[in-house]
C-alpha atoms as a PDB file:
ATOM      1  CA  MET A   1      52.152 -26.665  19.351  1.00  0.00           C
ATOM      2  CA  PHE A   2      53.182 -27.875  16.130  1.00  0.00           C
ATOM      3  CA  ASP A   3      56.876 -27.882  15.730  1.00  0.00           C
ATOM      4  CA  LEU A   4      57.779 -27.343  12.173  1.00  0.00           C
ATOM      5  CA  SER A   5      61.504 -27.066  13.023  1.00  0.00           C
ATOM      6  CA  ALA A   6      61.142 -31.335  13.533  1.00  0.00           C
ATOM      7  CA  ILE A   7      59.746 -31.478   9.556  1.00  0.00           C
ATOM      8  CA  LYS A   8      62.633 -31.262   6.633  1.00  0.00           C
ATOM      9  CA  ILE A   9      61.623 -29.201   3.578  1.00  0.00           C
ATOM     10  CA  HIS A  10      61.787 -29.970   0.152  1.00  0.00           C
ATOM     11  CA  ASN A  11      61.732 -27.920  -3.111  1.00  0.00           C
ATOM     12  CA  GLU A  12      61.974 -30.925  -5.019  1.00  0.00           C
ATOM     13  CA  PRO A  13      60.680 -34.263  -5.243  1.00  0.00           C
ATOM     14  CA  TYR A  14      62.244 -37.056  -3.131  1.00  0.00           C
ATOM     15  CA  GLU A  15      62.023 -40.827  -2.154  1.00  0.00           C
ATOM     16  CA  ALA A  16      59.290 -40.809   0.305  1.00  0.00           C
ATOM     17  CA  ILE A  17      56.969 -39.321  -2.896  1.00  0.00           C
ATOM     18  CA  SER A  18      58.688 -41.432  -5.315  1.00  0.00           C
ATOM     19  CA  LEU A  19      56.233 -42.707  -8.024  1.00  0.00           C
ATOM     20  CA  LEU A  20      58.523 -45.314  -8.182  1.00  0.00           C
ATOM     21  CA  ARG A  21      57.148 -46.772  -4.709  1.00  0.00           C
ATOM     22  CA  PRO A  22      54.609 -49.321  -5.381  1.00  0.00           C
ATOM     23  CA  GLU A  23      53.361 -47.988  -2.126  1.00  0.00           C
ATOM     24  CA  LEU A  24      52.288 -45.405  -4.425  1.00  0.00           C
ATOM     25  CA  SER A  25      51.142 -47.123  -7.337  1.00  0.00           C
ATOM     26  CA  GLN A  26      47.722 -45.566  -8.675  1.00  0.00           C
ATOM     27  CA  LYS A  27      47.139 -48.868 -10.953  1.00  0.00           C
ATOM     28  CA  GLY A  28      43.240 -49.624 -11.780  1.00  0.00           C
ATOM     29  CA  LYS A  29      42.063 -46.123 -10.204  1.00  0.00           C
ATOM     30  CA  SER A  30      40.100 -43.156 -12.194  1.00  0.00           C
ATOM     31  CA  VAL A  31      40.977 -39.440 -11.247  1.00  0.00           C
ATOM     32  CA  LEU A  32      39.168 -36.515 -12.278  1.00  0.00           C
ATOM     33  CA  VAL A  33      41.349 -33.322 -11.903  1.00  0.00           C
ATOM     34  CA  CYS A  34      39.574 -30.066 -11.684  1.00  0.00           C
ATOM     35  CA  GLY A  35      41.447 -27.453 -13.395  1.00  0.00           C
ATOM     36  CA  GLY A  36      43.879 -29.486 -14.590  1.00  0.00           C
ATOM     37  CA  SER A  37      45.002 -27.937 -18.196  1.00  0.00           C
ATOM     38  CA  THR A  38      48.062 -25.644 -16.929  1.00  0.00           C
ATOM     39  CA  GLY A  39      50.152 -25.593 -14.083  1.00  0.00           C
ATOM     40  CA  ILE A  40      50.057 -27.510 -10.776  1.00  0.00           C
ATOM     41  CA  GLY A  41      46.826 -29.112 -11.669  1.00  0.00           C
ATOM     42  CA  HIS A  42      48.071 -29.941 -14.712  1.00  0.00           C
ATOM     43  CA  ALA A  43      51.547 -31.192 -12.904  1.00  0.00           C
ATOM     44  CA  ILE A  44      49.238 -33.572 -11.187  1.00  0.00           C
ATOM     45  CA  ALA A  45      47.270 -34.894 -13.716  1.00  0.00           C
ATOM     46  CA  ARG A  46      50.769 -35.885 -15.004  1.00  0.00           C
ATOM     47  CA  ASN A  47      52.039 -37.624 -12.120  1.00  0.00           C
ATOM     48  CA  PHE A  48      48.928 -39.602 -11.396  1.00  0.00           C
ATOM     49  CA  CYS A  49      49.322 -40.553 -15.104  1.00  0.00           C
ATOM     50  CA  GLU A  50      53.147 -41.343 -14.220  1.00  0.00           C
ATOM     51  CA  ALA A  51      51.744 -43.524 -11.162  1.00  0.00           C
ATOM     52  CA  GLY A  52      49.950 -45.541 -13.605  1.00  0.00           C
ATOM     53  CA  ALA A  53      46.339 -44.208 -13.119  1.00  0.00           C
ATOM     54  CA  ALA A  54      44.050 -46.223 -15.170  1.00  0.00           C
ATOM     55  CA  LYS A  55      42.173 -43.165 -16.101  1.00  0.00           C
ATOM     56  CA  VAL A  56      42.587 -39.684 -15.841  1.00  0.00           C
ATOM     57  CA  VAL A  57      39.737 -36.826 -16.610  1.00  0.00           C
ATOM     58  CA  ILE A  58      40.356 -33.009 -16.665  1.00  0.00           C
ATOM     59  CA  LEU A  59      37.637 -30.271 -16.655  1.00  0.00           C
ATOM     60  CA  GLY A  60      38.978 -27.251 -17.982  1.00  0.00           C
ATOM     61  CA  ARG A  61      37.103 -24.127 -18.634  1.00  0.00           C
ATOM     62  CA  ARG A  62      39.571 -23.303 -22.167  1.00  0.00           C
ATOM     63  CA  SER A  63      38.903 -25.864 -24.776  1.00  0.00           C
ATOM     64  CA  GLU A  64      42.131 -25.367 -27.304  1.00  0.00           C
ATOM     65  CA  VAL A  65      44.225 -25.010 -23.727  1.00  0.00           C
ATOM     66  CA  LEU A  66      42.341 -28.381 -22.497  1.00  0.00           C
ATOM     67  CA  GLN A  67      42.997 -30.657 -25.280  1.00  0.00           C
ATOM     68  CA  ALA A  68      46.532 -29.207 -25.786  1.00  0.00           C
ATOM     69  CA  SER A  69      47.251 -30.904 -22.588  1.00  0.00           C
ATOM     70  CA  VAL A  70      45.372 -33.848 -23.380  1.00  0.00           C
ATOM     71  CA  SER A  71      47.173 -34.902 -26.625  1.00  0.00           C
ATOM     72  CA  LYS A  72      50.262 -34.208 -23.967  1.00  0.00           C
ATOM     73  CA  LEU A  73      49.256 -36.673 -21.580  1.00  0.00           C
ATOM     74  CA  ARG A  74      47.761 -39.077 -24.335  1.00  0.00           C
ATOM     75  CA  GLU A  75      51.645 -38.899 -26.257  1.00  0.00           C
ATOM     76  CA  ALA A  76      53.579 -39.311 -23.228  1.00  0.00           C
ATOM     77  CA  HIS A  77      51.310 -41.997 -21.250  1.00  0.00           C
ATOM     78  CA  PRO A  78      49.673 -44.168 -23.970  1.00  0.00           C
ATOM     79  CA  GLY A  79      49.078 -46.683 -21.025  1.00  0.00           C
ATOM     80  CA  THR A  80      46.803 -44.420 -19.166  1.00  0.00           C
ATOM     81  CA  ASP A  81      43.320 -43.246 -20.503  1.00  0.00           C
ATOM     82  CA  VAL A  82      43.371 -39.134 -20.459  1.00  0.00           C
ATOM     83  CA  VAL A  83      39.944 -37.618 -21.396  1.00  0.00           C
ATOM     84  CA  GLY A  84      39.067 -34.224 -21.216  1.00  0.00           C
ATOM     85  CA  HIS A  85      36.051 -32.364 -21.321  1.00  0.00           C
ATOM     86  CA  THR A  86      35.405 -28.497 -21.509  1.00  0.00           C
ATOM     87  CA  CYS A  87      33.692 -27.732 -18.112  1.00  0.00           C
ATOM     88  CA  ASP A  88      33.427 -24.230 -15.971  1.00  0.00           C
ATOM     89  CA  ILE A  89      32.644 -25.871 -12.806  1.00  0.00           C
ATOM     90  CA  PHE A  90      31.780 -22.228 -11.505  1.00  0.00           C
ATOM     91  CA  SER A  91      28.652 -22.321 -13.228  1.00  0.00           C
ATOM     92  CA  GLN A  92      26.036 -24.647 -11.670  1.00  0.00           C
ATOM     93  CA  ALA A  93      24.379 -25.553 -14.780  1.00  0.00           C
ATOM     94  CA  GLU A  94      27.895 -26.962 -16.537  1.00  0.00           C
ATOM     95  CA  SER A  95      28.871 -28.679 -13.445  1.00  0.00           C
ATOM     96  CA  LYS A  96      25.537 -29.972 -13.217  1.00  0.00           C
ATOM     97  CA  ALA A  97      25.565 -31.595 -16.802  1.00  0.00           C
ATOM     98  CA  ILE A  98      29.162 -33.288 -16.773  1.00  0.00           C
ATOM     99  CA  TRP A  99      28.242 -35.073 -13.384  1.00  0.00           C
ATOM    100  CA  ASP A 100      25.044 -35.867 -14.943  1.00  0.00           C
ATOM    101  CA  LYS A 101      26.972 -37.384 -17.815  1.00  0.00           C
ATOM    102  CA  PHE A 102      29.581 -39.280 -15.321  1.00  0.00           C
ATOM    103  CA  GLN A 103      26.420 -40.843 -13.512  1.00  0.00           C
ATOM    104  CA  ASN A 104      24.624 -42.060 -16.883  1.00  0.00           C
ATOM    105  CA  ASP A 105      27.426 -43.887 -18.007  1.00  0.00           C
ATOM    106  CA  ALA A 106      27.680 -46.976 -15.738  1.00  0.00           C
ATOM    107  CA  SER A 107      31.832 -47.512 -16.914  1.00  0.00           C
ATOM    108  CA  VAL A 108      32.812 -44.153 -14.732  1.00  0.00           C
ATOM    109  CA  GLY A 109      33.375 -44.572 -11.168  1.00  0.00           C
ATOM    110  CA  PHE A 110      36.477 -41.907  -9.771  1.00  0.00           C
ATOM    111  CA  ASP A 111      38.629 -42.940  -6.540  1.00  0.00           C
ATOM    112  CA  VAL A 112      40.446 -39.534  -6.740  1.00  0.00           C
ATOM    113  CA  LEU A 113      38.998 -35.955  -6.808  1.00  0.00           C
ATOM    114  CA  VAL A 114      41.667 -33.322  -7.401  1.00  0.00           C
ATOM    115  CA  LEU A 115      40.263 -29.824  -6.903  1.00  0.00           C
ATOM    116  CA  ASN A 116      42.418 -27.200  -8.136  1.00  0.00           C
ATOM    117  CA  ALA A 117      40.370 -25.103 -10.061  1.00  0.00           C
ATOM    118  CA  VAL A 118      40.061 -21.430  -8.198  1.00  0.00           C
ATOM    119  CA  HIS A 119      38.001 -18.206  -9.003  1.00  0.00           C
ATOM    120  CA  VAL A 120      39.871 -14.837  -9.910  1.00  0.00           C
ATOM    121  CA  PRO A 121      39.694 -12.429  -6.974  1.00  0.00           C
ATOM    122  CA  ALA A 122      39.306  -8.852  -6.740  1.00  0.00           C
ATOM    123  CA  MET A 123      42.221  -6.901  -5.999  1.00  0.00           C
ATOM    124  CA  GLU A 124      40.621  -4.426  -3.563  1.00  0.00           C
ATOM    125  CA  PRO A 125      39.761  -4.056  -0.084  1.00  0.00           C
ATOM    126  CA  ILE A 126      35.979  -5.976   0.757  1.00  0.00           C
ATOM    127  CA  LEU A 127      33.824  -2.437   1.304  1.00  0.00           C
ATOM    128  CA  ASN A 128      35.281  -0.951  -2.026  1.00  0.00           C
ATOM    129  CA  GLN A 129      34.127  -4.245  -3.889  1.00  0.00           C
ATOM    130  CA  GLY A 130      31.165  -4.589  -2.481  1.00  0.00           C
ATOM    131  CA  THR A 131      29.068  -7.523  -0.969  1.00  0.00           C
ATOM    132  CA  ASP A 132      27.929  -9.073  -4.545  1.00  0.00           C
ATOM    133  CA  ARG A 133      31.676  -8.748  -5.732  1.00  0.00           C
ATOM    134  CA  LEU A 134      33.036 -10.887  -2.941  1.00  0.00           C
ATOM    135  CA  TRP A 135      30.029 -13.351  -2.919  1.00  0.00           C
ATOM    136  CA  GLN A 136      31.168 -14.168  -6.260  1.00  0.00           C
ATOM    137  CA  ASP A 137      34.166 -15.727  -4.801  1.00  0.00           C
ATOM    138  CA  PHE A 138      32.272 -17.640  -1.693  1.00  0.00           C
ATOM    139  CA  GLU A 139      29.709 -19.181  -4.733  1.00  0.00           C
ATOM    140  CA  ALA A 140      33.175 -20.296  -6.960  1.00  0.00           C
ATOM    141  CA  ASN A 141      35.528 -20.800  -4.359  1.00  0.00           C
ATOM    142  CA  VAL A 142      33.103 -22.670  -1.690  1.00  0.00           C
ATOM    143  CA  ARG A 143      29.731 -24.043  -3.170  1.00  0.00           C
ATOM    144  CA  ALA A 144      31.333 -24.939  -6.247  1.00  0.00           C
ATOM    145  CA  PRO A 145      33.816 -27.266  -4.824  1.00  0.00           C
ATOM    146  CA  LEU A 146      31.423 -28.223  -2.535  1.00  0.00           C
ATOM    147  CA  TYR A 147      29.012 -29.393  -5.139  1.00  0.00           C
ATOM    148  CA  LEU A 148      31.761 -31.544  -6.992  1.00  0.00           C
ATOM    149  CA  VAL A 149      32.789 -32.916  -3.489  1.00  0.00           C
ATOM    150  CA  GLU A 150      28.925 -34.328  -2.869  1.00  0.00           C
ATOM    151  CA  ARG A 151      28.605 -35.569  -6.091  1.00  0.00           C
ATOM    152  CA  PHE A 152      31.620 -37.581  -6.224  1.00  0.00           C
ATOM    153  CA  TYR A 153      31.220 -39.032  -2.762  1.00  0.00           C
ATOM    154  CA  LYS A 154      27.647 -39.900  -3.484  1.00  0.00           C
ATOM    155  CA  GLN A 155      28.706 -41.655  -7.021  1.00  0.00           C
ATOM    156  CA  PRO A 156      26.448 -44.337  -7.760  1.00  0.00           C
ATOM    157  CA  ASN A 157      28.578 -46.041  -9.695  1.00  0.00           C
ATOM    158  CA  HIS A 158      31.361 -46.563  -6.963  1.00  0.00           C
ATOM    159  CA  SER A 159      30.733 -47.145  -3.415  1.00  0.00           C
ATOM    160  CA  GLY A 160      34.626 -48.315  -2.654  1.00  0.00           C
ATOM    161  CA  GLN A 161      37.176 -46.219  -1.236  1.00  0.00           C
ATOM    162  CA  LYS A 162      37.697 -42.533  -2.281  1.00  0.00           C
ATOM    163  CA  TYR A 163      40.306 -39.664  -1.878  1.00  0.00           C
ATOM    164  CA  CYS A 164      39.548 -36.184  -2.320  1.00  0.00           C
ATOM    165  CA  ILE A 165      42.574 -33.838  -2.647  1.00  0.00           C
ATOM    166  CA  PHE A 166      42.114 -29.900  -2.234  1.00  0.00           C
ATOM    167  CA  LEU A 167      45.051 -27.007  -3.010  1.00  0.00           C
ATOM    168  CA  SER A 168      44.415 -24.688  -0.404  1.00  0.00           C
ATOM    169  CA  THR A 169      46.728 -22.195   0.242  1.00  0.00           C
ATOM    170  CA  GLN A 170      49.383 -20.766   3.269  1.00  0.00           C
ATOM    171  CA  ASP A 171      47.154 -17.699   2.759  1.00  0.00           C
ATOM    172  CA  ILE A 172      44.392 -19.589   5.123  1.00  0.00           C
ATOM    173  CA  HIS A 173      46.403 -19.079   8.171  1.00  0.00           C
ATOM    174  CA  ARG A 174      49.303 -16.317   6.767  1.00  0.00           C
ATOM    175  CA  TRP A 175      46.578 -13.412   6.758  1.00  0.00           C
ATOM    176  CA  ASP A 176      49.683 -11.403   5.662  1.00  0.00           C
ATOM    177  CA  SER A 177      50.601 -13.168   2.972  1.00  0.00           C
ATOM    178  CA  ALA A 178      47.930 -11.804  -0.112  1.00  0.00           C
ATOM    179  CA  PRO A 179      46.599  -8.836   1.791  1.00  0.00           C
ATOM    180  CA  GLN A 180      45.407  -7.384  -1.667  1.00  0.00           C
ATOM    181  CA  MET A 181      43.201 -10.501  -2.059  1.00  0.00           C
ATOM    182  CA  PRO A 182      40.663 -10.952   0.855  1.00  0.00           C
ATOM    183  CA  GLY A 183      38.178 -13.019  -0.704  1.00  0.00           C
ATOM    184  CA  TYR A 184      41.185 -15.454  -2.441  1.00  0.00           C
ATOM    185  CA  GLN A 185      41.875 -15.666   1.278  1.00  0.00           C
ATOM    186  CA  LEU A 186      38.421 -15.608   3.250  1.00  0.00           C
ATOM    187  CA  THR A 187      37.124 -18.393   0.358  1.00  0.00           C
ATOM    188  CA  LYS A 188      40.196 -20.320   0.762  1.00  0.00           C
ATOM    189  CA  ASN A 189      39.893 -20.581   4.725  1.00  0.00           C
ATOM    190  CA  SER A 190      36.653 -21.291   4.482  1.00  0.00           C
ATOM    191  CA  PHE A 191      36.899 -24.023   1.692  1.00  0.00           C
ATOM    192  CA  THR A 192      39.524 -25.769   3.925  1.00  0.00           C
ATOM    193  CA  CYS A 193      37.120 -25.643   6.645  1.00  0.00           C
ATOM    194  CA  VAL A 194      34.133 -26.972   5.053  1.00  0.00           C
ATOM    195  CA  LEU A 195      36.672 -29.968   3.912  1.00  0.00           C
ATOM    196  CA  GLN A 196      38.044 -30.578   7.819  1.00  0.00           C
ATOM    197  CA  GLN A 197      33.963 -31.030   8.590  1.00  0.00           C
ATOM    198  CA  ILE A 198      33.355 -33.205   5.830  1.00  0.00           C
ATOM    199  CA  ALA A 199      36.123 -35.135   7.235  1.00  0.00           C
ATOM    200  CA  ARG A 200      34.712 -34.878  11.533  1.00  0.00           C
ATOM    201  CA  ASP A 201      31.819 -36.674  10.132  1.00  0.00           C
ATOM    202  CA  THR A 202      32.972 -38.748   6.721  1.00  0.00           C
ATOM    203  CA  PRO A 203      35.370 -42.213   8.188  1.00  0.00           C
ATOM    204  CA  THR A 204      38.162 -42.313   6.155  1.00  0.00           C
ATOM    205  CA  ASP A 205      37.577 -45.829   4.748  1.00  0.00           C
ATOM    206  CA  GLU A 206      34.836 -44.090   3.160  1.00  0.00           C
ATOM    207  CA  MET A 207      36.788 -40.722   1.842  1.00  0.00           C
ATOM    208  CA  GLN A 208      39.857 -39.669   3.049  1.00  0.00           C
ATOM    209  CA  THR A 209      40.572 -36.199   2.841  1.00  0.00           C
ATOM    210  CA  LEU A 210      43.293 -33.846   2.899  1.00  0.00           C
ATOM    211  CA  SER A 211      44.104 -30.162   1.962  1.00  0.00           C
ATOM    212  CA  PHE A 212      47.356 -28.698   1.102  1.00  0.00           C
ATOM    213  CA  HIS A 213      49.615 -25.554   0.117  1.00  0.00           C
ATOM    214  CA  PRO A 214      51.284 -26.611  -3.125  1.00  0.00           C
ATOM    215  CA  SER A 215      54.194 -24.166  -2.517  1.00  0.00           C
ATOM    216  CA  VAL A 216      55.064 -21.335  -4.600  1.00  0.00           C
ATOM    217  CA  VAL A 217      55.179 -22.627  -8.104  1.00  0.00           C
ATOM    218  CA  PHE A 218      56.009 -20.614 -11.342  1.00  0.00           C
ATOM    219  CA  THR A 219      53.214 -21.125 -13.807  1.00  0.00           C
ATOM    220  CA  GLU A 220      51.213 -19.726 -16.201  1.00  0.00           C
ATOM    221  CA  ALA A 221      49.525 -17.422 -13.832  1.00  0.00           C
ATOM    222  CA  ALA A 222      52.270 -16.234 -12.001  1.00  0.00           C
ATOM    223  CA  ALA A 223      53.851 -15.469 -15.476  1.00  0.00           C
ATOM    224  CA  THR A 224      50.808 -13.641 -16.266  1.00  0.00           C
ATOM    225  CA  ALA A 225      51.035 -11.461 -12.883  1.00  0.00           C
ATOM    226  CA  GLY A 226      54.672 -10.558 -14.217  1.00  0.00           C
ATOM    227  CA  TYR A 227      56.864 -12.838 -12.354  1.00  0.00           C
ATOM    228  CA  THR A 228      59.655 -14.503 -14.159  1.00  0.00           C
ATOM    229  CA  ARG A 229      61.624 -17.739 -12.758  1.00  0.00           C
ATOM    230  CA  ASP A 230      64.205 -15.710 -11.633  1.00  0.00           C
ATOM    231  CA  THR A 231      61.417 -13.443  -9.720  1.00  0.00           C
ATOM    232  CA  LEU A 232      62.171 -15.842  -6.331  1.00  0.00           C
ATOM    233  CA  PRO A 233      63.646 -19.731  -5.468  1.00  0.00           C
ATOM    234  CA  TRP A 234      60.211 -21.507  -7.160  1.00  0.00           C
ATOM    235  CA  THR A 235      59.240 -25.133  -5.961  1.00  0.00           C
ATOM    236  CA  ASP A 236      59.807 -27.431  -8.828  1.00  0.00           C
ATOM    237  CA  GLU A 237      55.846 -28.543  -9.988  1.00  0.00           C
ATOM    238  CA  ASN A 238      56.592 -32.005  -9.426  1.00  0.00           C
ATOM    239  CA  LEU A 239      56.688 -31.374  -5.977  1.00  0.00           C
ATOM    240  CA  PRO A 240      52.986 -31.106  -5.221  1.00  0.00           C
ATOM    241  CA  GLY A 241      52.545 -33.258  -8.116  1.00  0.00           C
ATOM    242  CA  GLN A 242      54.041 -36.287  -6.168  1.00  0.00           C
ATOM    243  CA  PHE A 243      52.861 -34.803  -3.280  1.00  0.00           C
ATOM    244  CA  ALA A 244      49.231 -35.276  -4.592  1.00  0.00           C
ATOM    245  CA  VAL A 245      49.605 -39.127  -5.671  1.00  0.00           C
ATOM    246  CA  TRP A 246      50.966 -39.870  -1.860  1.00  0.00           C
ATOM    247  CA  ALA A 247      48.193 -37.684  -0.329  1.00  0.00           C
ATOM    248  CA  ALA A 248      45.881 -40.412  -2.381  1.00  0.00           C
ATOM    249  CA  SER A 249      47.855 -42.904  -0.945  1.00  0.00           C
ATOM    250  CA  PRO A 250      46.640 -45.559   2.512  1.00  0.00           C
ATOM    251  CA  GLU A 251      49.682 -43.669   4.132  1.00  0.00           C
ATOM    252  CA  ALA A 252      48.391 -40.269   4.478  1.00  0.00           C
ATOM    253  CA  ARG A 253      45.341 -41.622   6.152  1.00  0.00           C
ATOM    254  CA  PHE A 254      46.633 -40.538   9.360  1.00  0.00           C
ATOM    255  CA  LEU A 255      45.953 -36.975   7.878  1.00  0.00           C
ATOM    256  CA  HIS A 256      42.531 -36.996   7.168  1.00  0.00           C
ATOM    257  CA  GLY A 257      40.565 -34.260   7.043  1.00  0.00           C
ATOM    258  CA  ARG A 258      43.986 -31.688   8.335  1.00  0.00           C
ATOM    259  CA  PHE A 259      45.792 -29.135   5.738  1.00  0.00           C
ATOM    260  CA  VAL A 260      49.311 -29.501   5.174  1.00  0.00           C
ATOM    261  CA  TRP A 261      52.200 -27.993   3.198  1.00  0.00           C
ATOM    262  CA  SER A 262      53.281 -30.418   0.069  1.00  0.00           C
ATOM    263  CA  ASN A 263      57.396 -29.183   0.882  1.00  0.00           C
ATOM    264  CA  TRP A 264      56.769 -30.738   4.448  1.00  0.00           C
ATOM    265  CA  ASP A 265      58.617 -34.178   4.361  1.00  0.00           C
ATOM    266  CA  VAL A 266      56.203 -37.119   4.930  1.00  0.00           C
ATOM    267  CA  THR A 267      58.459 -39.280   6.475  1.00  0.00           C
ATOM    268  CA  ASP A 268      59.058 -36.933   9.605  1.00  0.00           C
ATOM    269  CA  LEU A 269      55.016 -35.553   9.640  1.00  0.00           C
ATOM    270  CA  ALA A 270      54.572 -39.488   9.918  1.00  0.00           C
ATOM    271  CA  SER A 271      57.235 -40.154  12.771  1.00  0.00           C
ATOM    272  CA  SER A 272      56.256 -41.261  15.900  1.00  0.00           C
ATOM    273  CA  ALA A 273      57.029 -38.035  17.529  1.00  0.00           C
ATOM    274  CA  VAL A 274      55.042 -35.966  15.188  1.00  0.00           C
ATOM    275  CA  LYS A 275      52.276 -38.381  14.128  1.00  0.00           C
ATOM    276  CA  ALA A 276      51.677 -38.835  18.114  1.00  0.00           C
ATOM    277  CA  GLU A 277      51.294 -34.977  18.410  1.00  0.00           C
ATOM    278  CA  ILE A 278      48.624 -35.132  15.404  1.00  0.00           C
ATOM    279  CA  ASP A 279      46.961 -38.149  16.660  1.00  0.00           C
ATOM    280  CA  GLY A 280      46.809 -37.156  20.080  1.00  0.00           C
ATOM    281  CA  ASP A 281      44.960 -33.651  18.893  1.00  0.00           C
ATOM    282  CA  PRO A 282      41.632 -33.965  16.907  1.00  0.00           C
ATOM    283  CA  TRP A 283      42.119 -30.334  15.856  1.00  0.00           C
ATOM    284  CA  LEU A 284      45.948 -29.796  15.357  1.00  0.00           C
ATOM    285  CA  LEU A 285      46.627 -28.443  11.508  1.00  0.00           C
ATOM    286  CA  LYS A 286      43.290 -27.149  10.973  1.00  0.00           C
ATOM    287  CA  VAL A 287      41.440 -24.351  10.774  1.00  0.00           C
ATOM    288  CA  GLY A 288      39.845 -22.742  13.889  1.00  0.00           C
ATOM    289  CA  VAL A 289      41.211 -21.054  17.048  1.00  0.00           C
ATOM    290  CA  LYS A 290      42.431 -23.003  19.604  1.00  0.00           C
ATOM    291  CA  GLY A 291      43.101 -21.313  23.075  1.00  0.00           C
ATOM    292  CA  LEU A 292      40.294 -19.888  23.990  1.00  0.00           C
END
């Protein structure tokens, strides 16, 4: 049984995931952030820039919002080549086209893939929304990111170490937390499971994979939903931002294929007692039913 009481909980960045640590340097790396125009995705893109990434490419659906995001990052981080491409990753044709473009450019090869984009679910019970509507969520939140991971893994322009990071959610295991969004819970759970199966068959030194809950962050989407900065004790967006950078480092190797929360102290996770528990149980912190 995983003892969460042995782990400190954070709502702001802390020393172990500080970008000032040379162990977390992203110098020379190219990063692809899907859904990086706003919110947590933008915070992740910004933190990779701050960690010294050579190139950060952002994919977004809204051209004006995307270009505004890219301009901010370019101005703040002139040492990083920040590029934006308008692309709806939920469209198979657009996703294929952008990857074909990357593949045809011999100078493009990504070291890190960040999967942040998510399809908005229907806010009603499954049998009310119907099969076709629910299946849209599976097409968008399972098939679409799987295609991205496949193209990332099979890059002809990059045969070295790769890092795949997926922004999952607490809702994959807390079924009472978002009952109004059954499609969201099901598909996030499903893709987290997909990645753990991929990790089982993929050596860490080929593609290190980690899924995490980014915590509750005040974003544009939260504001649109009617929340304000005073509604909840929000987590600083730079916590998941810096955690993502840590996840794309050798220090996170022991969590290959696992699911964690970005709030959990990484030093405590890597401590002898907790790490021994993780190393000793291949199904700990993974999707499934254990005990039958």
